[in-house]
Amino acid sequence: MDLACAVYQFSHRLPSEERFGLARQMRRAAVSVPCNIAEGYERPSRREYLHFLALAQGSLAELETQVRLAARLGYCSAGEAAALLEAHAEMLGRQLRRLHVALAAPAGRGAPSVPD
């Protein structure tokens, strides 16, 4: 959720004409990441959990693209965009990938206990 909070703060600095465009898309993608993780965790099967983790990874990739676009459009510096991504998105992306790999492994081979 730290990422979503950071994106909300970041998006407030975008021009007012982007309030219903890029800013809204960034916020939705940022909120979607933890929401998909939470929803997947509460699903009854590992397969469903993996599906929602994949959705979270997709939302994270979408957000990374939108932050880079904001920088290319001159709404922030390349350094500000990189700082946001390095501080939150890159680490979260690595964690999501590791969790997905661990859950996709056959049960009993170091995979966390999640209902099947």
Protein backbone atom coordinates (compact mmCIF):
# COMPACT_ATOMS: atom_id res chain seq x y z
CA MET A 1 0.00 0.00 0.00
CA ASP A 2 3.02 2.25 0.32
CA LEU A 3 3.18 2.33 -3.47
CA ALA A 4 -0.45 3.45 -3.77
CA CYS A 5 0.10 6.22 -1.21
CA ALA A 6 3.24 7.39 -3.01
CA VAL A 7 1.42 7.41 -6.37
CA TYR A 8 -1.43 9.48 -4.93
CA GLN A 9 1.10 12.06 -3.70
CA PHE A 10 2.97 11.94 -7.01
CA SER A 11 -0.20 12.32 -9.09
CA HIS A 12 -1.26 15.45 -7.21
CA ARG A 13 1.65 17.22 -8.88
CA LEU A 14 0.41 16.45 -12.38
CA PRO A 15 -1.30 19.26 -14.29
CA SER A 16 -4.99 19.77 -13.59
CA GLU A 17 -5.91 18.76 -17.15
CA GLU A 18 -4.54 15.27 -16.33
CA ARG A 19 -6.77 14.87 -13.26
CA PHE A 20 -9.21 12.68 -15.21
CA GLY A 21 -6.60 11.24 -17.55
CA LEU A 22 -3.17 10.05 -16.61
CA ALA A 23 -3.52 10.84 -12.89
CA ARG A 24 -6.68 8.76 -12.60
CA GLN A 25 -5.13 5.86 -14.53
CA MET A 26 -2.05 5.93 -12.31
CA ARG A 27 -4.14 5.89 -9.15
CA ARG A 28 -6.32 3.04 -10.37
CA ALA A 29 -3.31 0.93 -11.32
CA ALA A 30 -1.58 1.66 -8.01
CA VAL A 31 -4.67 0.73 -5.97
CA SER A 32 -5.22 -2.35 -8.10
CA VAL A 33 -1.90 -3.90 -7.05
CA PRO A 34 -2.62 -4.43 -3.33
CA CYS A 35 -6.31 -5.08 -3.99
CA ASN A 36 -5.53 -7.95 -6.37
CA ILE A 37 -3.03 -9.41 -3.90
CA ALA A 38 -5.60 -9.26 -1.11
CA GLU A 39 -8.40 -10.66 -3.23
CA GLY A 40 -6.24 -13.51 -4.46
CA TYR A 41 -5.12 -14.36 -0.96
CA GLU A 42 -8.73 -14.78 0.12
CA ARG A 43 -9.63 -17.04 -2.80
CA PRO A 44 -10.11 -20.72 -1.98
CA SER A 45 -7.53 -22.15 -4.38
CA ARG A 46 -3.87 -21.64 -5.18
CA ARG A 47 -4.73 -21.39 -8.87
CA GLU A 48 -7.00 -18.41 -8.21
CA TYR A 49 -4.36 -16.80 -5.99
CA LEU A 50 -1.81 -17.13 -8.79
CA HIS A 51 -4.27 -15.55 -11.21
CA PHE A 52 -4.72 -12.51 -8.98
CA LEU A 53 -0.96 -12.22 -8.41
CA ALA A 54 -0.57 -12.11 -12.20
CA LEU A 55 -3.18 -9.34 -12.35
CA ALA A 56 -1.25 -7.42 -9.67
CA GLN A 57 1.95 -7.80 -11.70
CA GLY A 58 0.14 -6.49 -14.77
CA SER A 59 -1.17 -3.47 -12.88
CA LEU A 60 2.32 -2.79 -11.59
CA ALA A 61 3.72 -2.90 -15.14
CA GLU A 62 0.95 -0.57 -16.27
CA LEU A 63 1.81 1.86 -13.48
CA GLU A 64 5.51 1.79 -14.32
CA THR A 65 4.66 2.69 -17.91
CA GLN A 66 2.41 5.55 -16.80
CA VAL A 67 5.10 7.00 -14.50
CA ARG A 68 7.62 6.88 -17.33
CA LEU A 69 5.08 8.52 -19.63
CA ALA A 70 4.56 11.33 -17.11
CA ALA A 71 8.29 11.97 -17.19
CA ARG A 72 8.43 11.93 -21.00
CA LEU A 73 5.56 14.41 -21.13
CA GLY A 74 7.50 16.71 -18.82
CA TYR A 75 5.11 16.39 -15.87
CA CYS A 76 7.99 15.33 -13.64
CA SER A 77 11.71 14.86 -13.98
CA ALA A 78 13.21 11.55 -15.02
CA GLY A 79 14.83 11.50 -11.57
CA GLU A 80 11.48 11.85 -9.79
CA ALA A 81 10.00 9.04 -11.86
CA ALA A 82 13.03 6.83 -11.22
CA ALA A 83 12.92 7.57 -7.49
CA LEU A 84 9.26 6.56 -7.26
CA LEU A 85 9.85 3.36 -9.19
CA GLU A 86 13.05 2.45 -7.34
CA ALA A 87 11.59 3.16 -3.91
CA HIS A 88 8.42 1.14 -4.38
CA ALA A 89 7.67 -0.55 -7.69
CA GLU A 90 10.89 -2.44 -8.36
CA MET A 91 11.05 -4.13 -4.97
CA LEU A 92 7.34 -4.96 -5.07
CA GLY A 93 7.75 -6.43 -8.54
CA ARG A 94 10.55 -8.71 -7.33
CA GLN A 95 8.46 -9.81 -4.35
CA LEU A 96 5.47 -10.58 -6.54
CA ARG A 97 7.59 -12.62 -8.95
CA ARG A 98 9.15 -14.63 -6.09
CA LEU A 99 5.77 -15.28 -4.50
CA HIS A 100 4.31 -16.37 -7.83
CA VAL A 101 7.20 -18.80 -8.42
CA ALA A 102 6.91 -20.20 -4.88
CA LEU A 103 3.17 -20.73 -5.17
CA ALA A 104 3.45 -22.27 -8.63
CA ALA A 105 5.91 -24.87 -7.32
CA PRO A 106 4.43 -28.30 -6.55
CA ALA A 107 3.24 -28.66 -2.95
CA GLY A 108 5.85 -30.00 -0.57
CA ARG A 109 8.80 -28.44 -2.42
CA GLY A 110 9.16 -25.36 -0.26
CA ALA A 111 5.90 -23.80 -1.41
CA PRO A 112 3.99 -21.82 1.19
CA SER A 113 0.85 -23.41 2.56
CA VAL A 114 -2.14 -22.09 0.61
CA PRO A 115 -5.41 -23.98 0.13
CA ASP A 116 -5.67 -25.85 -3.18
